[in-house]
Amino acid sequence: MSDSAESLREQRKRETSRALTHSARRLTTERGFAGFTIEELCAEVGVSRRTFFNYFESKENAVFGFATVDSRQEELEEEFAAAHGDIIEDFVRLTVRRFELFNPVDDAPALFAVIEHEPRLLKAAFEQIAKNEQRDKDLILRRLDDDASLRAEVIVHTVGALVRMSMDQLVHHQSTASFADHMTRRLVLVRSLYAPSQKAD
């Protein structure tokens, strides 16, 4: 398959994924999460139930936009796994590049509306976030020595905290700085806070 054909195929897949999420969110706010079936969602978008599960593991994941891993994301993760730089800086760079692929800021208002309407969906969201964190820990462990699971966990949760702070600035404070700038500034601050003291005894 040519690169252009592959690119077109991937673009169509992303459009289908976005259409499923958009419709799932609208149906949730209109009818409630229990008020529609996967079959009804698929009929609205014009895809089969089998196709739906190529994109999402569950109806909850469709509502939150937690699609199965995008091929572009897989490429970025393989680049990270093969890199040899500072592992925290490399992981922050991976996080920023993932953000640029999906830009969750644009989806935030619709997502907040869904959560307000169906707060019980938060449990499913937290479960998926935990799966994503485990995926990242496993990815980091590919670059660390054996028995470094605690280190991987600290890296994932530290960068996760930086993501939440940066998202808060973008979503709730309408910051005009980029996500990458917010992440970089906070990473520099974290490093300075935890750097060994240079004061004389």
N, C-alpha and C. Protein backbone atom coordinates (compact mmCIF):
# COMPACT_ATOMS: atom_id res chain seq x y z
N MET A 1 0.85 -1.19 0.00
CA MET A 1 0.00 0.00 0.00
C MET A 1 0.89 1.25 0.00
N SER A 2 0.58 2.24 -0.84
CA SER A 2 1.38 3.45 -0.93
C SER A 2 1.19 4.28 0.33
N ASP A 3 2.17 5.20 0.57
CA ASP A 3 2.08 6.06 1.75
C ASP A 3 0.83 6.92 1.70
N SER A 4 0.48 7.42 0.50
CA SER A 4 -0.70 8.28 0.38
C SER A 4 -1.98 7.50 0.67
N ALA A 5 -2.04 6.25 0.20
CA ALA A 5 -3.22 5.42 0.46
C ALA A 5 -3.33 5.09 1.93
N GLU A 6 -2.19 4.79 2.56
CA GLU A 6 -2.17 4.51 3.99
C GLU A 6 -2.60 5.74 4.78
N SER A 7 -2.11 6.92 4.36
CA SER A 7 -2.47 8.16 5.03
C SER A 7 -3.96 8.43 4.93
N LEU A 8 -4.54 8.19 3.74
CA LEU A 8 -5.97 8.40 3.55
C LEU A 8 -6.77 7.42 4.41
N ARG A 9 -6.30 6.17 4.47
CA ARG A 9 -6.98 5.16 5.29
C ARG A 9 -6.96 5.55 6.76
N GLU A 10 -5.81 6.03 7.24
CA GLU A 10 -5.70 6.44 8.63
C GLU A 10 -6.58 7.66 8.91
N GLN A 11 -6.65 8.57 7.96
CA GLN A 11 -7.49 9.76 8.14
C GLN A 11 -8.96 9.36 8.26
N ARG A 12 -9.39 8.43 7.43
CA ARG A 12 -10.78 7.96 7.51
C ARG A 12 -11.07 7.27 8.83
N LYS A 13 -10.10 6.50 9.31
CA LYS A 13 -10.27 5.84 10.61
C LYS A 13 -10.43 6.87 11.72
N ARG A 14 -9.62 7.93 11.69
CA ARG A 14 -9.72 8.96 12.71
C ARG A 14 -11.05 9.70 12.62
N GLU A 15 -11.53 9.92 11.40
CA GLU A 15 -12.82 10.59 11.22
C GLU A 15 -13.96 9.72 11.76
N THR A 16 -13.87 8.42 11.51
CA THR A 16 -14.90 7.51 12.04
C THR A 16 -14.87 7.49 13.56
N SER A 17 -13.67 7.45 14.13
CA SER A 17 -13.53 7.45 15.58
C SER A 17 -14.14 8.72 16.18
N ARG A 18 -13.83 9.86 15.58
CA ARG A 18 -14.38 11.13 16.08
C ARG A 18 -15.89 11.16 15.94
N ALA A 19 -16.42 10.64 14.83
CA ALA A 19 -17.87 10.62 14.62
C ALA A 19 -18.57 9.77 15.67
N LEU A 20 -17.99 8.62 16.01
CA LEU A 20 -18.57 7.76 17.03
C LEU A 20 -18.58 8.45 18.40
N THR A 21 -17.48 9.11 18.73
CA THR A 21 -17.41 9.80 20.02
C THR A 21 -18.39 10.97 20.06
N HIS A 22 -18.45 11.74 18.99
CA HIS A 22 -19.37 12.89 18.93
C HIS A 22 -20.82 12.43 19.12
N SER A 23 -21.20 11.38 18.42
CA SER A 23 -22.57 10.87 18.53
C SER A 23 -22.83 10.26 19.90
N ALA A 24 -21.85 9.55 20.44
CA ALA A 24 -22.01 8.93 21.77
C ALA A 24 -22.23 10.00 22.84
N ARG A 25 -21.50 11.08 22.74
CA ARG A 25 -21.66 12.16 23.72
C ARG A 25 -23.02 12.85 23.57
N ARG A 26 -23.43 13.09 22.34
CA ARG A 26 -24.72 13.74 22.13
C ARG A 26 -25.86 12.87 22.62
N LEU A 27 -25.79 11.57 22.31
CA LEU A 27 -26.84 10.66 22.77
C LEU A 27 -26.87 10.56 24.30
N THR A 28 -25.69 10.61 24.91
CA THR A 28 -25.63 10.55 26.37
C THR A 28 -26.29 11.77 27.00
N THR A 29 -26.01 12.95 26.46
CA THR A 29 -26.62 14.15 27.03
C THR A 29 -28.12 14.23 26.73
N GLU A 30 -28.55 13.66 25.61
CA GLU A 30 -29.97 13.71 25.24
C GLU A 30 -30.80 12.63 25.94
N ARG A 31 -30.25 11.41 26.02
CA ARG A 31 -31.04 10.28 26.51
C ARG A 31 -30.53 9.67 27.82
N GLY A 32 -29.32 10.06 28.21
CA GLY A 32 -28.67 9.36 29.31
C GLY A 32 -27.85 8.21 28.76
N PHE A 33 -26.82 7.81 29.52
CA PHE A 33 -25.92 6.77 29.01
C PHE A 33 -26.65 5.45 28.76
N ALA A 34 -27.63 5.14 29.59
CA ALA A 34 -28.37 3.88 29.43
C ALA A 34 -29.48 4.00 28.39
N GLY A 35 -29.64 5.17 27.82
CA GLY A 35 -30.76 5.40 26.91
C GLY A 35 -30.51 5.06 25.46
N PHE A 36 -29.36 4.52 25.15
CA PHE A 36 -29.09 4.10 23.76
C PHE A 36 -28.15 2.91 23.77
N THR A 37 -28.18 2.15 22.70
CA THR A 37 -27.34 0.95 22.59
C THR A 37 -26.18 1.21 21.63
N ILE A 38 -25.23 0.32 21.67
CA ILE A 38 -24.12 0.41 20.71
C ILE A 38 -24.66 0.29 19.28
N GLU A 39 -25.66 -0.57 19.09
CA GLU A 39 -26.24 -0.73 17.75
C GLU A 39 -26.86 0.57 17.26
N GLU A 40 -27.55 1.30 18.14
CA GLU A 40 -28.14 2.58 17.75
C GLU A 40 -27.05 3.60 17.43
N LEU A 41 -26.00 3.60 18.21
CA LEU A 41 -24.86 4.49 17.95
C LEU A 41 -24.25 4.19 16.59
N CYS A 42 -24.03 2.91 16.33
CA CYS A 42 -23.43 2.51 15.06
C CYS A 42 -24.32 2.89 13.87
N ALA A 43 -25.63 2.72 14.04
CA ALA A 43 -26.57 3.06 12.96
C ALA A 43 -26.50 4.55 12.64
N GLU A 44 -26.32 5.36 13.67
CA GLU A 44 -26.25 6.81 13.46
C GLU A 44 -25.02 7.20 12.66
N VAL A 45 -23.92 6.51 12.92
CA VAL A 45 -22.66 6.85 12.25
C VAL A 45 -22.51 6.09 10.93
N GLY A 46 -23.27 5.00 10.78
CA GLY A 46 -23.20 4.23 9.55
C GLY A 46 -22.09 3.20 9.53
N VAL A 47 -21.83 2.59 10.70
CA VAL A 47 -20.82 1.53 10.78
C VAL A 47 -21.45 0.32 11.45
N SER A 48 -20.78 -0.82 11.33
CA SER A 48 -21.29 -2.04 11.96
C SER A 48 -20.82 -2.14 13.40
N ARG A 49 -21.48 -3.01 14.16
CA ARG A 49 -21.05 -3.26 15.55
C ARG A 49 -19.62 -3.79 15.58
N ARG A 50 -19.29 -4.64 14.62
CA ARG A 50 -17.92 -5.18 14.56
C ARG A 50 -16.91 -4.05 14.35
N THR A 51 -17.26 -3.10 13.48
CA THR A 51 -16.37 -1.96 13.23
C THR A 51 -16.20 -1.13 14.49
N PHE A 52 -17.31 -0.96 15.23
CA PHE A 52 -17.24 -0.18 16.48
C PHE A 52 -16.14 -0.73 17.39
N PHE A 53 -16.08 -2.05 17.53
CA PHE A 53 -15.11 -2.64 18.45
C PHE A 53 -13.68 -2.64 17.90
N ASN A 54 -13.53 -2.25 16.64
CA ASN A 54 -12.19 -1.99 16.12
C ASN A 54 -11.66 -0.66 16.64
N TYR A 55 -12.59 0.21 17.07
CA TYR A 55 -12.22 1.54 17.53
C TYR A 55 -12.25 1.68 19.05
N PHE A 56 -13.23 1.06 19.69
CA PHE A 56 -13.43 1.25 21.12
C PHE A 56 -13.70 -0.09 21.81
N GLU A 57 -13.19 -0.22 23.04
CA GLU A 57 -13.42 -1.44 23.80
C GLU A 57 -14.81 -1.48 24.40
N SER A 58 -15.44 -0.32 24.57
CA SER A 58 -16.73 -0.26 25.23
C SER A 58 -17.47 1.01 24.85
N LYS A 59 -18.76 1.06 25.20
CA LYS A 59 -19.55 2.27 24.97
C LYS A 59 -19.01 3.43 25.81
N GLU A 60 -18.58 3.12 27.04
CA GLU A 60 -18.00 4.16 27.89
C GLU A 60 -16.78 4.80 27.22
N ASN A 61 -15.91 3.97 26.65
CA ASN A 61 -14.71 4.50 26.00
C ASN A 61 -15.05 5.37 24.80
N ALA A 62 -16.13 5.02 24.11
CA ALA A 62 -16.56 5.85 22.98
C ALA A 62 -16.98 7.22 23.47
N VAL A 63 -17.71 7.28 24.58
CA VAL A 63 -18.15 8.56 25.13
C VAL A 63 -16.95 9.42 25.51
N PHE A 64 -15.94 8.81 26.12
CA PHE A 64 -14.78 9.57 26.57
C PHE A 64 -13.73 9.76 25.46
N GLY A 65 -13.91 9.11 24.34
CA GLY A 65 -12.94 9.25 23.26
C GLY A 65 -11.68 8.44 23.48
N PHE A 66 -11.77 7.40 24.32
CA PHE A 66 -10.62 6.54 24.57
C PHE A 66 -10.56 5.47 23.49
N ALA A 67 -10.04 5.83 22.34
CA ALA A 67 -9.98 4.89 21.22
C ALA A 67 -8.83 3.91 21.42
N THR A 68 -8.90 2.80 20.69
CA THR A 68 -7.75 1.89 20.67
C THR A 68 -6.56 2.66 20.12
N VAL A 69 -5.37 2.22 20.41
CA VAL A 69 -4.17 3.01 20.14
C VAL A 69 -4.04 3.32 18.65
N ASP A 70 -3.85 4.60 18.36
CA ASP A 70 -3.67 5.11 17.00
C ASP A 70 -2.29 4.69 16.49
N SER A 71 -2.18 4.42 15.19
CA SER A 71 -0.89 3.99 14.64
C SER A 71 0.17 5.07 14.80
N ARG A 72 -0.24 6.34 14.73
CA ARG A 72 0.73 7.43 14.93
C ARG A 72 1.24 7.43 16.36
N GLN A 73 0.36 7.12 17.32
CA GLN A 73 0.78 7.04 18.71
C GLN A 73 1.74 5.88 18.91
N GLU A 74 1.47 4.76 18.27
CA GLU A 74 2.38 3.61 18.38
C GLU A 74 3.77 3.97 17.86
N GLU A 75 3.84 4.72 16.77
CA GLU A 75 5.13 5.14 16.21
C GLU A 75 5.89 6.02 17.20
N LEU A 76 5.18 6.96 17.82
CA LEU A 76 5.81 7.84 18.80
C LEU A 76 6.34 7.03 20.00
N GLU A 77 5.57 6.05 20.43
CA GLU A 77 5.97 5.24 21.58
C GLU A 77 7.18 4.38 21.25
N GLU A 78 7.24 3.87 20.02
CA GLU A 78 8.41 3.09 19.62
C GLU A 78 9.65 3.97 19.54
N GLU A 79 9.49 5.21 19.09
CA GLU A 79 10.61 6.15 19.07
C GLU A 79 11.12 6.40 20.49
N PHE A 80 10.18 6.56 21.42
CA PHE A 80 10.56 6.77 22.82
C PHE A 80 11.32 5.56 23.35
N ALA A 81 10.80 4.38 23.09
CA ALA A 81 11.43 3.16 23.61
C ALA A 81 12.85 2.97 23.07
N ALA A 82 13.11 3.47 21.86
CA ALA A 82 14.42 3.30 21.24
C ALA A 82 15.39 4.45 21.54
N ALA A 83 14.90 5.51 22.17
CA ALA A 83 15.74 6.68 22.44
C ALA A 83 16.71 6.41 23.60
N HIS A 84 17.73 7.29 23.72
CA HIS A 84 18.75 7.10 24.76
C HIS A 84 19.04 8.38 25.53
N GLY A 85 18.12 9.35 25.47
CA GLY A 85 18.33 10.61 26.18
C GLY A 85 17.85 10.54 27.61
N ASP A 86 17.67 11.72 28.21
CA ASP A 86 17.13 11.81 29.56
C ASP A 86 15.71 11.25 29.53
N ILE A 87 15.45 10.24 30.36
CA ILE A 87 14.18 9.51 30.23
C ILE A 87 12.98 10.37 30.60
N ILE A 88 13.14 11.27 31.58
CA ILE A 88 12.00 12.12 31.95
C ILE A 88 11.72 13.13 30.85
N GLU A 89 12.77 13.76 30.33
CA GLU A 89 12.57 14.72 29.24
C GLU A 89 11.98 14.02 28.01
N ASP A 90 12.44 12.81 27.74
CA ASP A 90 11.91 12.06 26.59
C ASP A 90 10.44 11.71 26.81
N PHE A 91 10.07 11.37 28.06
CA PHE A 91 8.68 11.01 28.33
C PHE A 91 7.78 12.24 28.26
N VAL A 92 8.27 13.38 28.73
CA VAL A 92 7.50 14.62 28.58
C VAL A 92 7.32 14.95 27.11
N ARG A 93 8.37 14.77 26.32
CA ARG A 93 8.27 15.03 24.88
C ARG A 93 7.24 14.12 24.23
N LEU A 94 7.24 12.85 24.61
CA LEU A 94 6.23 11.91 24.10
C LEU A 94 4.84 12.37 24.50
N THR A 95 4.67 12.80 25.74
CA THR A 95 3.37 13.26 26.22
C THR A 95 2.88 14.47 25.43
N VAL A 96 3.78 15.41 25.15
CA VAL A 96 3.43 16.60 24.37
C VAL A 96 3.04 16.21 22.95
N ARG A 97 3.78 15.28 22.36
CA ARG A 97 3.48 14.88 20.97
C ARG A 97 2.16 14.12 20.89
N ARG A 98 1.84 13.34 21.90
CA ARG A 98 0.52 12.70 21.95
C ARG A 98 -0.58 13.76 22.04
N PHE A 99 -0.35 14.75 22.88
CA PHE A 99 -1.33 15.84 23.03
C PHE A 99 -1.58 16.51 21.69
N GLU A 100 -0.52 16.74 20.94
CA GLU A 100 -0.66 17.40 19.64
C GLU A 100 -1.44 16.55 18.65
N LEU A 101 -1.42 15.23 18.83
CA LEU A 101 -2.20 14.35 17.96
C LEU A 101 -3.69 14.49 18.21
N PHE A 102 -4.08 14.61 19.49
CA PHE A 102 -5.50 14.52 19.84
C PHE A 102 -6.08 15.80 20.43
N ASN A 103 -5.25 16.70 20.95
CA ASN A 103 -5.65 17.99 21.53
C ASN A 103 -6.93 17.90 22.35
N PRO A 104 -6.87 17.35 23.55
CA PRO A 104 -8.07 17.17 24.37
C PRO A 104 -8.73 18.47 24.82
N VAL A 105 -8.02 19.60 24.70
CA VAL A 105 -8.61 20.89 25.10
C VAL A 105 -9.86 21.18 24.28
N ASP A 106 -9.82 20.87 22.99
CA ASP A 106 -10.97 21.13 22.12
C ASP A 106 -12.20 20.33 22.56
N ASP A 107 -11.97 19.16 23.13
CA ASP A 107 -13.07 18.27 23.53
C ASP A 107 -13.57 18.55 24.94
N ALA A 108 -12.86 19.38 25.69
CA ALA A 108 -13.16 19.55 27.11
C ALA A 108 -14.61 19.98 27.39
N PRO A 109 -15.16 21.00 26.69
CA PRO A 109 -16.54 21.41 27.02
C PRO A 109 -17.56 20.29 26.84
N ALA A 110 -17.46 19.53 25.74
CA ALA A 110 -18.40 18.43 25.51
C ALA A 110 -18.22 17.34 26.55
N LEU A 111 -16.97 17.10 26.95
CA LEU A 111 -16.71 16.07 27.95
C LEU A 111 -17.26 16.48 29.31
N PHE A 112 -17.09 17.74 29.67
CA PHE A 112 -17.63 18.22 30.95
C PHE A 112 -19.15 18.11 30.96
N ALA A 113 -19.79 18.37 29.83
CA ALA A 113 -21.25 18.28 29.75
C ALA A 113 -21.71 16.85 29.99
N VAL A 114 -20.97 15.90 29.43
CA VAL A 114 -21.32 14.49 29.61
C VAL A 114 -21.16 14.08 31.08
N ILE A 115 -20.04 14.49 31.69
CA ILE A 115 -19.79 14.13 33.10
C ILE A 115 -20.84 14.75 34.02
N GLU A 116 -21.23 15.99 33.72
CA GLU A 116 -22.26 16.64 34.54
C GLU A 116 -23.59 15.89 34.43
N HIS A 117 -23.88 15.38 33.24
CA HIS A 117 -25.13 14.66 33.00
C HIS A 117 -25.09 13.25 33.57
N GLU A 118 -23.90 12.61 33.47
CA GLU A 118 -23.75 11.22 33.92
C GLU A 118 -22.48 11.07 34.77
N PRO A 119 -22.49 11.59 36.00
CA PRO A 119 -21.28 11.53 36.83
C PRO A 119 -20.79 10.11 37.11
N ARG A 120 -21.68 9.11 37.02
CA ARG A 120 -21.25 7.74 37.29
C ARG A 120 -20.25 7.23 36.25
N LEU A 121 -20.16 7.92 35.10
CA LEU A 121 -19.21 7.52 34.08
C LEU A 121 -17.76 7.78 34.50
N LEU A 122 -17.58 8.60 35.53
CA LEU A 122 -16.23 8.90 35.98
C LEU A 122 -15.48 7.63 36.39
N LYS A 123 -16.19 6.67 36.97
CA LYS A 123 -15.53 5.42 37.37
C LYS A 123 -14.88 4.74 36.18
N ALA A 124 -15.62 4.68 35.06
CA ALA A 124 -15.07 4.06 33.84
C ALA A 124 -13.88 4.86 33.31
N ALA A 125 -13.97 6.19 33.43
CA ALA A 125 -12.86 7.03 32.97
C ALA A 125 -11.61 6.77 33.79
N PHE A 126 -11.76 6.70 35.12
CA PHE A 126 -10.60 6.45 35.98
C PHE A 126 -10.00 5.06 35.71
N GLU A 127 -10.85 4.09 35.43
CA GLU A 127 -10.35 2.75 35.12
C GLU A 127 -9.52 2.76 33.84
N GLN A 128 -9.96 3.51 32.83
CA GLN A 128 -9.22 3.58 31.59
C GLN A 128 -7.92 4.36 31.77
N ILE A 129 -7.97 5.42 32.57
CA ILE A 129 -6.75 6.18 32.86
C ILE A 129 -5.72 5.28 33.54
N ALA A 130 -6.18 4.43 34.44
CA ALA A 130 -5.27 3.49 35.12
C ALA A 130 -4.63 2.53 34.11
N LYS A 131 -5.43 2.07 33.14
CA LYS A 131 -4.88 1.19 32.09
C LYS A 131 -3.83 1.93 31.27
N ASN A 132 -4.12 3.19 30.94
CA ASN A 132 -3.16 3.98 30.16
C ASN A 132 -1.88 4.21 30.94
N GLU A 133 -2.01 4.43 32.25
CA GLU A 133 -0.82 4.61 33.09
C GLU A 133 0.01 3.34 33.13
N GLN A 134 -0.64 2.19 33.22
CA GLN A 134 0.09 0.93 33.22
C GLN A 134 0.81 0.72 31.89
N ARG A 135 0.15 1.10 30.80
CA ARG A 135 0.77 1.00 29.48
C ARG A 135 2.04 1.86 29.45
N ASP A 136 1.97 3.06 30.03
CA ASP A 136 3.14 3.94 30.04
C ASP A 136 4.24 3.39 30.94
N LYS A 137 3.87 2.81 32.07
CA LYS A 137 4.88 2.20 32.95
C LYS A 137 5.62 1.09 32.21
N ASP A 138 4.87 0.26 31.50
CA ASP A 138 5.49 -0.83 30.74
C ASP A 138 6.41 -0.28 29.65
N LEU A 139 5.99 0.83 29.04
CA LEU A 139 6.81 1.46 28.01
C LEU A 139 8.11 1.98 28.59
N ILE A 140 8.04 2.63 29.73
CA ILE A 140 9.24 3.15 30.38
C ILE A 140 10.16 2.03 30.83
N LEU A 141 9.58 0.93 31.30
CA LEU A 141 10.39 -0.19 31.76
C LEU A 141 11.22 -0.80 30.64
N ARG A 142 10.81 -0.59 29.40
CA ARG A 142 11.62 -1.07 28.27
C ARG A 142 12.95 -0.34 28.19
N ARG A 143 13.04 0.80 28.86
CA ARG A 143 14.29 1.58 28.84
C ARG A 143 15.05 1.54 30.16
N LEU A 144 14.49 0.92 31.16
CA LEU A 144 15.13 0.88 32.47
C LEU A 144 15.67 -0.51 32.78
N ASP A 145 16.53 -0.57 33.78
CA ASP A 145 17.06 -1.86 34.23
C ASP A 145 15.94 -2.69 34.84
N ASP A 146 16.22 -3.95 35.03
CA ASP A 146 15.24 -4.82 35.68
C ASP A 146 14.91 -4.31 37.07
N ASP A 147 13.71 -4.63 37.52
CA ASP A 147 13.26 -4.28 38.87
C ASP A 147 13.25 -2.77 39.11
N ALA A 148 12.80 -2.03 38.09
CA ALA A 148 12.73 -0.57 38.20
C ALA A 148 11.28 -0.10 38.15
N SER A 149 10.35 -0.95 38.56
CA SER A 149 8.93 -0.62 38.43
C SER A 149 8.54 0.60 39.26
N LEU A 150 9.14 0.77 40.44
CA LEU A 150 8.81 1.93 41.27
C LEU A 150 9.26 3.21 40.57
N ARG A 151 10.43 3.19 39.98
CA ARG A 151 10.92 4.37 39.26
C ARG A 151 9.98 4.71 38.10
N ALA A 152 9.55 3.69 37.36
CA ALA A 152 8.63 3.92 36.25
C ALA A 152 7.33 4.51 36.74
N GLU A 153 6.85 4.01 37.88
CA GLU A 153 5.59 4.52 38.44
C GLU A 153 5.72 5.99 38.83
N VAL A 154 6.84 6.35 39.45
CA VAL A 154 7.05 7.74 39.86
C VAL A 154 7.11 8.65 38.64
N ILE A 155 7.79 8.23 37.59
CA ILE A 155 7.87 9.03 36.37
C ILE A 155 6.49 9.27 35.79
N VAL A 156 5.70 8.20 35.67
CA VAL A 156 4.36 8.31 35.07
C VAL A 156 3.48 9.25 35.88
N HIS A 157 3.50 9.11 37.21
CA HIS A 157 2.61 9.93 38.03
C HIS A 157 3.11 11.37 38.15
N THR A 158 4.41 11.57 38.11
CA THR A 158 4.95 12.93 38.14
C THR A 158 4.57 13.68 36.87
N VAL A 159 4.78 13.04 35.73
CA VAL A 159 4.42 13.69 34.46
C VAL A 159 2.90 13.85 34.36
N GLY A 160 2.15 12.89 34.90
CA GLY A 160 0.70 13.01 34.92
C GLY A 160 0.25 14.24 35.69
N ALA A 161 0.93 14.55 36.81
CA ALA A 161 0.61 15.74 37.58
C ALA A 161 0.90 17.00 36.77
N LEU A 162 1.99 17.00 36.02
CA LEU A 162 2.31 18.16 35.18
C LEU A 162 1.26 18.34 34.10
N VAL A 163 0.77 17.23 33.56
CA VAL A 163 -0.29 17.30 32.54
C VAL A 163 -1.54 17.93 33.14
N ARG A 164 -1.94 17.50 34.31
CA ARG A 164 -3.16 18.05 34.93
C ARG A 164 -3.02 19.54 35.21
N MET A 165 -1.86 19.97 35.70
CA MET A 165 -1.65 21.39 35.94
C MET A 165 -1.68 22.19 34.65
N SER A 166 -1.07 21.65 33.61
CA SER A 166 -1.04 22.34 32.32
C SER A 166 -2.42 22.42 31.71
N MET A 167 -3.17 21.33 31.79
CA MET A 167 -4.54 21.32 31.26
C MET A 167 -5.42 22.31 32.01
N ASP A 168 -5.21 22.43 33.31
CA ASP A 168 -5.99 23.38 34.10
C ASP A 168 -5.77 24.81 33.58
N GLN A 169 -4.54 25.14 33.25
CA GLN A 169 -4.25 26.47 32.72
C GLN A 169 -4.91 26.69 31.36
N LEU A 170 -4.92 25.68 30.54
CA LEU A 170 -5.48 25.80 29.19
C LEU A 170 -7.01 25.82 29.19
N VAL A 171 -7.61 24.97 30.03
CA VAL A 171 -9.07 24.81 30.00
C VAL A 171 -9.77 25.83 30.89
N HIS A 172 -9.29 25.99 32.11
CA HIS A 172 -10.00 26.82 33.08
C HIS A 172 -9.49 28.26 33.16
N HIS A 173 -8.27 28.49 32.71
CA HIS A 173 -7.70 29.84 32.77
C HIS A 173 -7.43 30.42 31.38
N GLN A 174 -7.84 29.70 30.35
CA GLN A 174 -7.72 30.18 28.96
C GLN A 174 -6.32 30.71 28.63
N SER A 175 -5.32 30.01 29.11
CA SER A 175 -3.94 30.42 28.84
C SER A 175 -3.67 30.39 27.33
N THR A 176 -2.92 31.37 26.87
CA THR A 176 -2.55 31.42 25.44
C THR A 176 -1.23 30.71 25.17
N ALA A 177 -0.54 30.30 26.22
CA ALA A 177 0.70 29.53 26.03
C ALA A 177 0.34 28.13 25.55
N SER A 178 1.27 27.49 24.88
CA SER A 178 1.02 26.15 24.36
C SER A 178 1.14 25.11 25.48
N PHE A 179 0.56 23.95 25.23
CA PHE A 179 0.68 22.84 26.18
C PHE A 179 2.15 22.50 26.38
N ALA A 180 2.93 22.51 25.31
CA ALA A 180 4.36 22.19 25.42
C ALA A 180 5.08 23.19 26.32
N ASP A 181 4.74 24.48 26.20
CA ASP A 181 5.37 25.50 27.05
C ASP A 181 5.02 25.28 28.52
N HIS A 182 3.76 24.99 28.78
CA HIS A 182 3.35 24.74 30.17
C HIS A 182 4.09 23.54 30.74
N MET A 183 4.19 22.47 29.97
CA MET A 183 4.86 21.27 30.44
C MET A 183 6.34 21.52 30.69
N THR A 184 6.99 22.24 29.78
CA THR A 184 8.42 22.51 29.90
C THR A 184 8.71 23.36 31.14
N ARG A 185 7.90 24.40 31.36
CA ARG A 185 8.10 25.27 32.52
C ARG A 185 7.96 24.47 33.82
N ARG A 186 6.99 23.61 33.88
CA ARG A 186 6.75 22.85 35.10
C ARG A 186 7.80 21.77 35.31
N LEU A 187 8.30 21.21 34.22
CA LEU A 187 9.36 20.22 34.35
C LEU A 187 10.63 20.88 34.89
N VAL A 188 10.96 22.07 34.39
CA VAL A 188 12.13 22.80 34.89
C VAL A 188 11.98 23.08 36.38
N LEU A 189 10.78 23.48 36.80
CA LEU A 189 10.53 23.77 38.22
C LEU A 189 10.68 22.52 39.07
N VAL A 190 10.12 21.39 38.60
CA VAL A 190 10.24 20.14 39.34
C VAL A 190 11.71 19.76 39.51
N ARG A 191 12.48 19.88 38.46
CA ARG A 191 13.90 19.53 38.55
C ARG A 191 14.62 20.43 39.55
N SER A 192 14.28 21.72 39.57
CA SER A 192 14.95 22.63 40.50
C SER A 192 14.55 22.33 41.95
N LEU A 193 13.29 21.93 42.15
CA LEU A 193 12.83 21.63 43.49
C LEU A 193 13.50 20.39 44.07
N TYR A 194 13.78 19.42 43.21
CA TYR A 194 14.33 18.16 43.69
C TYR A 194 15.84 18.03 43.45
N ALA A 195 16.45 19.10 42.94
CA ALA A 195 17.90 19.05 42.73
C ALA A 195 18.62 19.10 44.07
N PRO A 196 19.78 18.47 44.19
CA PRO A 196 20.53 18.53 45.46
C PRO A 196 20.85 19.98 45.81
N SER A 197 20.74 20.31 47.07
CA SER A 197 21.02 21.68 47.52
C SER A 197 22.49 22.03 47.26
N GLN A 198 22.71 23.25 46.78
CA GLN A 198 24.08 23.70 46.53
C GLN A 198 24.63 24.53 47.71
N LYS A 199 23.81 24.66 48.76
CA LYS A 199 24.27 25.45 49.89
C LYS A 199 25.41 24.77 50.63
N ALA A 200 26.31 25.57 51.11
CA ALA A 200 27.44 25.03 51.89
C ALA A 200 26.95 24.60 53.27
N ASP A 201 27.57 23.55 53.81
CA ASP A 201 27.19 23.07 55.15
C ASP A 201 27.57 24.10 56.20
